[in-house]
Amino acid sequence: MTGFYYALLILAAYLIGSIPSSVWIGKIFFHLDIREYGSGNAGAANTFRTLGWKAGISVLLFDAFKGYISVRLAHYAQIFPEPSDAFMTQELILGTIAALGHIFPVYARFKGGKGVATFLGVALAIAPLATLISLGVYVIVVIAFNYISLGSISAGIMFPISVTFILKTQYTSLIIFSILVALLLIYTHRSNIKRIIRGEESRASDLFKKKKDKKSS
């Protein structure tokens, strides 16, 4: 019975993470598919760029909430005692499943965002101090270089450093998770890295200039 219950939690986390807030907001309120404009990404950054700051903030907060609430499912389930490594692993699995749901949403033909905001919600629920440190790095990099994508990658790299060497966590699963998050963010931003090298990446300052440009190659 515990295994069946746990499978339901994983399914719930995936379905929560799959809610394509940017796609639905774009279609309901702006009558367009966000994935056909700007970078073609169904995330907060492209929403800012294409639909404006109000829609962008709404998507950012909702996508982060998806990750946060998916982690909290572990507390409601009470399958493992807390605190424990098993409980931490359960939280991490549910949060990761939610992020994968965001990247591959069942409600939007498995074409979603890059998981940054959803992983932010997961990280805030599990390691808030390490997350705040990473957010500090994010802000510094974005201000210094004017690239949102570079800030996201830098924050992702800082996360395992904070977890391992600053907070010195006792949970091996959290260390592994933090490293995987960094690697996944680098992987999902590989096209952004290429555009930065070519000098074609959109600037952070452009996010507040609403532009309904068709998807760039």
C-alpha atoms as a PDB file:
ATOM      1  CA  MET A   1       0.000   0.000   0.000  1.00  0.00           C
ATOM      2  CA  THR A   2       2.872   2.371   0.779  1.00  0.00           C
ATOM      3  CA  GLY A   3       4.319   1.828  -2.699  1.00  0.00           C
ATOM      4  CA  PHE A   4       0.966   2.597  -4.329  1.00  0.00           C
ATOM      5  CA  TYR A   5       0.566   5.713  -2.190  1.00  0.00           C
ATOM      6  CA  TYR A   6       4.066   6.853  -3.112  1.00  0.00           C
ATOM      7  CA  ALA A   7       3.319   6.310  -6.816  1.00  0.00           C
ATOM      8  CA  LEU A   8       0.265   8.561  -6.447  1.00  0.00           C
ATOM      9  CA  LEU A   9       2.458  11.267  -4.889  1.00  0.00           C
ATOM     10  CA  ILE A  10       4.886  11.071  -7.812  1.00  0.00           C
ATOM     11  CA  LEU A  11       2.007  11.301 -10.280  1.00  0.00           C
ATOM     12  CA  ALA A  12       0.577  14.271  -8.384  1.00  0.00           C
ATOM     13  CA  ALA A  13       3.968  16.051  -8.429  1.00  0.00           C
ATOM     14  CA  TYR A  14       4.287  15.490 -12.170  1.00  0.00           C
ATOM     15  CA  LEU A  15       0.766  16.753 -12.900  1.00  0.00           C
ATOM     16  CA  ILE A  16       1.324  19.827 -10.721  1.00  0.00           C
ATOM     17  CA  GLY A  17       4.649  20.543 -12.411  1.00  0.00           C
ATOM     18  CA  SER A  18       3.081  20.050 -15.835  1.00  0.00           C
ATOM     19  CA  ILE A  19       0.690  22.992 -15.447  1.00  0.00           C
ATOM     20  CA  PRO A  20       1.935  25.257 -18.291  1.00  0.00           C
ATOM     21  CA  SER A  21       1.193  28.639 -16.758  1.00  0.00           C
ATOM     22  CA  SER A  22       2.875  30.655 -19.509  1.00  0.00           C
ATOM     23  CA  VAL A  23       1.099  28.731 -22.277  1.00  0.00           C
ATOM     24  CA  TRP A  24      -2.318  29.031 -20.653  1.00  0.00           C
ATOM     25  CA  ILE A  25      -1.911  32.698 -19.722  1.00  0.00           C
ATOM     26  CA  GLY A  26      -0.759  33.448 -23.264  1.00  0.00           C
ATOM     27  CA  LYS A  27      -3.690  31.642 -24.882  1.00  0.00           C
ATOM     28  CA  ILE A  28      -6.408  32.809 -22.458  1.00  0.00           C
ATOM     29  CA  PHE A  29      -5.452  36.473 -22.041  1.00  0.00           C
ATOM     30  CA  PHE A  30      -3.353  37.244 -25.145  1.00  0.00           C
ATOM     31  CA  HIS A  31      -4.669  34.711 -27.673  1.00  0.00           C
ATOM     32  CA  LEU A  32      -1.231  33.466 -28.652  1.00  0.00           C
ATOM     33  CA  ASP A  33       1.072  30.510 -27.998  1.00  0.00           C
ATOM     34  CA  ILE A  34       4.122  31.781 -26.110  1.00  0.00           C
ATOM     35  CA  ARG A  35       6.174  28.977 -27.669  1.00  0.00           C
ATOM     36  CA  GLU A  36       5.792  30.600 -31.107  1.00  0.00           C
ATOM     37  CA  TYR A  37       7.344  33.885 -30.000  1.00  0.00           C
ATOM     38  CA  GLY A  38      10.674  35.165 -28.722  1.00  0.00           C
ATOM     39  CA  SER A  39      12.951  32.318 -27.728  1.00  0.00           C
ATOM     40  CA  GLY A  40      10.137  29.768 -28.103  1.00  0.00           C
ATOM     41  CA  ASN A  41      10.525  28.822 -24.448  1.00  0.00           C
ATOM     42  CA  ALA A  42       7.455  28.350 -22.239  1.00  0.00           C
ATOM     43  CA  GLY A  43       8.982  29.985 -19.176  1.00  0.00           C
ATOM     44  CA  ALA A  44       8.960  33.202 -17.192  1.00  0.00           C
ATOM     45  CA  ALA A  45      11.800  34.927 -19.088  1.00  0.00           C
ATOM     46  CA  ASN A  46      10.121  34.557 -22.483  1.00  0.00           C
ATOM     47  CA  THR A  47       6.806  35.587 -20.916  1.00  0.00           C
ATOM     48  CA  PHE A  48       8.391  38.799 -19.630  1.00  0.00           C
ATOM     49  CA  ARG A  49       9.835  39.456 -23.067  1.00  0.00           C
ATOM     50  CA  THR A  50       6.700  38.629 -25.042  1.00  0.00           C
ATOM     51  CA  LEU A  51       3.715  39.404 -22.805  1.00  0.00           C
ATOM     52  CA  GLY A  52       5.062  41.984 -20.365  1.00  0.00           C
ATOM     53  CA  TRP A  53       6.045  42.161 -16.706  1.00  0.00           C
ATOM     54  CA  LYS A  54       2.614  41.443 -15.201  1.00  0.00           C
ATOM     55  CA  ALA A  55       2.285  38.152 -17.050  1.00  0.00           C
ATOM     56  CA  GLY A  56       5.976  37.408 -16.448  1.00  0.00           C
ATOM     57  CA  ILE A  57       5.749  37.830 -12.685  1.00  0.00           C
ATOM     58  CA  SER A  58       2.576  35.738 -12.573  1.00  0.00           C
ATOM     59  CA  VAL A  59       4.293  32.899 -14.427  1.00  0.00           C
ATOM     60  CA  LEU A  60       7.450  33.160 -12.312  1.00  0.00           C
ATOM     61  CA  LEU A  61       5.550  32.966  -9.018  1.00  0.00           C
ATOM     62  CA  PHE A  62       3.242  30.184 -10.150  1.00  0.00           C
ATOM     63  CA  ASP A  63       6.042  28.041 -11.574  1.00  0.00           C
ATOM     64  CA  ALA A  64       8.053  28.444  -8.364  1.00  0.00           C
ATOM     65  CA  PHE A  65       4.956  27.519  -6.351  1.00  0.00           C
ATOM     66  CA  LYS A  66       4.627  24.299  -8.377  1.00  0.00           C
ATOM     67  CA  GLY A  67       8.029  23.172  -7.146  1.00  0.00           C
ATOM     68  CA  TYR A  68       7.432  24.300  -3.580  1.00  0.00           C
ATOM     69  CA  ILE A  69       4.054  22.597  -3.144  1.00  0.00           C
ATOM     70  CA  SER A  70       5.309  19.374  -4.757  1.00  0.00           C
ATOM     71  CA  VAL A  71       8.045  19.148  -2.105  1.00  0.00           C
ATOM     72  CA  ARG A  72       5.461  19.804   0.606  1.00  0.00           C
ATOM     73  CA  LEU A  73       3.540  16.712  -0.523  1.00  0.00           C
ATOM     74  CA  ALA A  74       6.143  14.679   1.358  1.00  0.00           C
ATOM     75  CA  HIS A  75       5.124  16.338   4.634  1.00  0.00           C
ATOM     76  CA  TYR A  76       1.464  15.571   4.077  1.00  0.00           C
ATOM     77  CA  ALA A  77       2.160  11.958   3.121  1.00  0.00           C
ATOM     78  CA  GLN A  78       4.230  11.122   6.229  1.00  0.00           C
ATOM     79  CA  ILE A  79       5.661   7.981   4.634  1.00  0.00           C
ATOM     80  CA  PHE A  80       9.113   8.494   6.170  1.00  0.00           C
ATOM     81  CA  PRO A  81      10.048  10.026   9.544  1.00  0.00           C
ATOM     82  CA  GLU A  82      11.444  13.557   9.453  1.00  0.00           C
ATOM     83  CA  PRO A  83      14.109  14.682   9.624  1.00  0.00           C
ATOM     84  CA  SER A  84      15.870  11.765   7.968  1.00  0.00           C
ATOM     85  CA  ASP A  85      17.838  11.057   4.827  1.00  0.00           C
ATOM     86  CA  ALA A  86      14.956   8.971   3.496  1.00  0.00           C
ATOM     87  CA  PHE A  87      12.562  11.882   3.997  1.00  0.00           C
ATOM     88  CA  MET A  88      14.969  14.300   2.297  1.00  0.00           C
ATOM     89  CA  THR A  89      15.290  11.894  -0.634  1.00  0.00           C
ATOM     90  CA  GLN A  90      11.514  11.724  -0.912  1.00  0.00           C
ATOM     91  CA  GLU A  91      11.284  15.526  -0.999  1.00  0.00           C
ATOM     92  CA  LEU A  92      13.975  15.722  -3.661  1.00  0.00           C
ATOM     93  CA  ILE A  93      12.321  13.086  -5.837  1.00  0.00           C
ATOM     94  CA  LEU A  94       8.958  14.853  -5.713  1.00  0.00           C
ATOM     95  CA  GLY A  95      10.547  18.227  -6.460  1.00  0.00           C
ATOM     96  CA  THR A  96      12.544  16.810  -9.362  1.00  0.00           C
ATOM     97  CA  ILE A  97       9.459  15.137 -10.796  1.00  0.00           C
ATOM     98  CA  ALA A  98       7.625  18.482 -10.648  1.00  0.00           C
ATOM     99  CA  ALA A  99      10.493  20.198 -12.491  1.00  0.00           C
ATOM    100  CA  LEU A 100      10.501  17.463 -15.132  1.00  0.00           C
ATOM    101  CA  GLY A 101       6.770  18.002 -15.459  1.00  0.00           C
ATOM    102  CA  HIS A 102       7.453  21.671 -16.135  1.00  0.00           C
ATOM    103  CA  ILE A 103      10.079  20.819 -18.773  1.00  0.00           C
ATOM    104  CA  PHE A 104       7.950  18.065 -20.344  1.00  0.00           C
ATOM    105  CA  PRO A 105       4.322  19.034 -19.550  1.00  0.00           C
ATOM    106  CA  VAL A 106       1.659  16.502 -20.424  1.00  0.00           C
ATOM    107  CA  TYR A 107      -0.877  19.324 -20.862  1.00  0.00           C
ATOM    108  CA  ALA A 108       1.206  21.102 -23.533  1.00  0.00           C
ATOM    109  CA  ARG A 109       2.466  18.325 -25.812  1.00  0.00           C
ATOM    110  CA  PHE A 110       5.557  17.824 -23.606  1.00  0.00           C
ATOM    111  CA  LYS A 111       7.034  21.147 -24.721  1.00  0.00           C
ATOM    112  CA  GLY A 112       7.607  23.309 -21.655  1.00  0.00           C
ATOM    113  CA  GLY A 113      10.143  25.592 -20.018  1.00  0.00           C
ATOM    114  CA  LYS A 114      13.660  25.103 -18.712  1.00  0.00           C
ATOM    115  CA  GLY A 115      12.717  24.405 -15.103  1.00  0.00           C
ATOM    116  CA  VAL A 116      14.513  27.359 -13.500  1.00  0.00           C
ATOM    117  CA  ALA A 117      11.523  28.788 -11.618  1.00  0.00           C
ATOM    118  CA  THR A 118      10.251  25.347 -10.608  1.00  0.00           C
ATOM    119  CA  PHE A 119      13.667  24.303  -9.293  1.00  0.00           C
ATOM    120  CA  LEU A 120      13.761  27.642  -7.457  1.00  0.00           C
ATOM    121  CA  GLY A 121      10.589  26.650  -5.609  1.00  0.00           C
ATOM    122  CA  VAL A 122      12.017  23.215  -4.841  1.00  0.00           C
ATOM    123  CA  ALA A 123      15.262  24.706  -3.544  1.00  0.00           C
ATOM    124  CA  LEU A 124      13.431  27.256  -1.375  1.00  0.00           C
ATOM    125  CA  ALA A 125      11.429  24.468   0.226  1.00  0.00           C
ATOM    126  CA  ILE A 126      14.466  22.254   0.899  1.00  0.00           C
ATOM    127  CA  ALA A 127      17.494  24.536   1.384  1.00  0.00           C
ATOM    128  CA  PRO A 128      16.313  28.156   1.734  1.00  0.00           C
ATOM    129  CA  LEU A 129      19.656  29.624   2.852  1.00  0.00           C
ATOM    130  CA  ALA A 130      21.630  28.017   0.013  1.00  0.00           C
ATOM    131  CA  THR A 131      18.924  29.202  -2.362  1.00  0.00           C
ATOM    132  CA  LEU A 132      19.211  32.790  -1.133  1.00  0.00           C
ATOM    133  CA  ILE A 133      22.971  32.663  -1.678  1.00  0.00           C
ATOM    134  CA  SER A 134      22.405  31.432  -5.226  1.00  0.00           C
ATOM    135  CA  LEU A 135      19.842  34.179  -5.801  1.00  0.00           C
ATOM    136  CA  GLY A 136      22.448  36.701  -4.685  1.00  0.00           C
ATOM    137  CA  VAL A 137      24.845  35.324  -7.293  1.00  0.00           C
ATOM    138  CA  TYR A 138      22.054  35.459  -9.873  1.00  0.00           C
ATOM    139  CA  VAL A 139      21.374  39.129  -9.198  1.00  0.00           C
ATOM    140  CA  ILE A 140      25.065  40.051  -9.304  1.00  0.00           C
ATOM    141  CA  VAL A 141      25.662  38.227 -12.605  1.00  0.00           C
ATOM    142  CA  VAL A 142      22.545  39.668 -14.261  1.00  0.00           C
ATOM    143  CA  ILE A 143      23.461  43.209 -13.191  1.00  0.00           C
ATOM    144  CA  ALA A 144      27.077  42.743 -14.294  1.00  0.00           C
ATOM    145  CA  PHE A 145      26.474  41.052 -17.669  1.00  0.00           C
ATOM    146  CA  ASN A 146      22.780  41.817 -18.436  1.00  0.00           C
ATOM    147  CA  TYR A 147      21.994  38.181 -19.303  1.00  0.00           C
ATOM    148  CA  ILE A 148      19.183  36.326 -17.493  1.00  0.00           C
ATOM    149  CA  SER A 149      20.373  32.965 -18.814  1.00  0.00           C
ATOM    150  CA  LEU A 150      23.926  33.515 -17.566  1.00  0.00           C
ATOM    151  CA  GLY A 151      22.555  34.487 -14.172  1.00  0.00           C
ATOM    152  CA  SER A 152      20.475  31.295 -14.039  1.00  0.00           C
ATOM    153  CA  ILE A 153      23.452  29.115 -14.954  1.00  0.00           C
ATOM    154  CA  SER A 154      25.688  30.867 -12.404  1.00  0.00           C
ATOM    155  CA  ALA A 155      23.068  30.499  -9.676  1.00  0.00           C
ATOM    156  CA  GLY A 156      22.721  26.809 -10.507  1.00  0.00           C
ATOM    157  CA  ILE A 157      26.474  26.281 -10.212  1.00  0.00           C
ATOM    158  CA  MET A 158      26.541  28.178  -6.915  1.00  0.00           C
ATOM    159  CA  PHE A 159      23.813  25.992  -5.412  1.00  0.00           C
ATOM    160  CA  PRO A 160      25.895  22.788  -4.907  1.00  0.00           C
ATOM    161  CA  ILE A 161      28.813  24.916  -3.709  1.00  0.00           C
ATOM    162  CA  SER A 162      26.611  26.512  -1.049  1.00  0.00           C
ATOM    163  CA  VAL A 163      25.015  23.221  -0.034  1.00  0.00           C
ATOM    164  CA  THR A 164      28.301  21.338   0.224  1.00  0.00           C
ATOM    165  CA  PHE A 165      30.893  23.829   1.445  1.00  0.00           C
ATOM    166  CA  ILE A 166      28.968  26.664   3.107  1.00  0.00           C
ATOM    167  CA  LEU A 167      26.041  24.866   4.742  1.00  0.00           C
ATOM    168  CA  LYS A 168      27.921  21.550   4.972  1.00  0.00           C
ATOM    169  CA  THR A 169      24.745  19.491   4.720  1.00  0.00           C
ATOM    170  CA  GLN A 170      24.662  16.007   6.236  1.00  0.00           C
ATOM    171  CA  TYR A 171      22.365  14.705   3.494  1.00  0.00           C
ATOM    172  CA  THR A 172      24.187  12.978   0.643  1.00  0.00           C
ATOM    173  CA  SER A 173      21.006  13.009  -1.426  1.00  0.00           C
ATOM    174  CA  LEU A 174      20.849  16.815  -1.205  1.00  0.00           C
ATOM    175  CA  ILE A 175      24.452  17.138  -2.422  1.00  0.00           C
ATOM    176  CA  ILE A 176      23.734  14.845  -5.386  1.00  0.00           C
ATOM    177  CA  PHE A 177      20.518  16.738  -6.135  1.00  0.00           C
ATOM    178  CA  SER A 178      22.263  20.122  -6.082  1.00  0.00           C
ATOM    179  CA  ILE A 179      24.915  18.893  -8.532  1.00  0.00           C
ATOM    180  CA  LEU A 180      22.264  17.450 -10.844  1.00  0.00           C
ATOM    181  CA  VAL A 181      20.347  20.746 -10.762  1.00  0.00           C
ATOM    182  CA  ALA A 182      23.470  22.613 -11.854  1.00  0.00           C
ATOM    183  CA  LEU A 183      24.108  20.152 -14.683  1.00  0.00           C
ATOM    184  CA  LEU A 184      20.468  20.221 -15.810  1.00  0.00           C
ATOM    185  CA  LEU A 185      20.378  24.026 -15.899  1.00  0.00           C
ATOM    186  CA  ILE A 186      23.532  24.053 -18.007  1.00  0.00           C
ATOM    187  CA  TYR A 187      21.996  21.463 -20.337  1.00  0.00           C
ATOM    188  CA  THR A 188      18.650  23.249 -20.727  1.00  0.00           C
ATOM    189  CA  HIS A 189      20.461  26.527 -21.377  1.00  0.00           C
ATOM    190  CA  ARG A 190      22.821  25.124 -24.003  1.00  0.00           C
ATOM    191  CA  SER A 191      21.127  27.136 -26.779  1.00  0.00           C
ATOM    192  CA  ASN A 192      21.453  30.294 -24.669  1.00  0.00           C
ATOM    193  CA  ILE A 193      25.159  29.605 -24.185  1.00  0.00           C
ATOM    194  CA  LYS A 194      25.599  29.376 -27.955  1.00  0.00           C
ATOM    195  CA  ARG A 195      23.727  32.656 -28.453  1.00  0.00           C
ATOM    196  CA  ILE A 196      25.862  34.369 -25.792  1.00  0.00           C
ATOM    197  CA  ILE A 197      29.013  33.225 -27.593  1.00  0.00           C
ATOM    198  CA  ARG A 198      27.612  34.537 -30.890  1.00  0.00           C
ATOM    199  CA  GLY A 199      26.481  37.769 -29.247  1.00  0.00           C
ATOM    200  CA  GLU A 200      22.832  37.061 -30.124  1.00  0.00           C
ATOM    201  CA  GLU A 201      21.383  36.413 -26.658  1.00  0.00           C
ATOM    202  CA  SER A 202      18.587  38.720 -25.470  1.00  0.00           C
ATOM    203  CA  ARG A 203      19.562  41.155 -22.746  1.00  0.00           C
ATOM    204  CA  ALA A 204      17.897  41.202 -19.333  1.00  0.00           C
ATOM    205  CA  SER A 205      16.853  44.808 -19.916  1.00  0.00           C
ATOM    206  CA  ASP A 206      14.838  43.645 -22.929  1.00  0.00           C
ATOM    207  CA  LEU A 207      12.508  41.586 -20.732  1.00  0.00           C
ATOM    208  CA  PHE A 208      10.580  44.684 -19.730  1.00  0.00           C
ATOM    209  CA  LYS A 209      10.094  45.730 -23.348  1.00  0.00           C
ATOM    210  CA  LYS A 210       7.113  43.697 -24.490  1.00  0.00           C
ATOM    211  CA  LYS A 211       7.811  42.399 -28.002  1.00  0.00           C
ATOM    212  CA  LYS A 212       5.652  39.883 -29.842  1.00  0.00           C
ATOM    213  CA  ASP A 213       8.352  38.790 -32.242  1.00  0.00           C
ATOM    214  CA  LYS A 214       7.997  35.420 -33.872  1.00  0.00           C
ATOM    215  CA  LYS A 215      10.191  32.627 -32.548  1.00  0.00           C
ATOM    216  CA  SER A 216      13.872  33.070 -33.270  1.00  0.00           C
ATOM    217  CA  SER A 217      15.913  30.158 -34.625  1.00  0.00           C
END
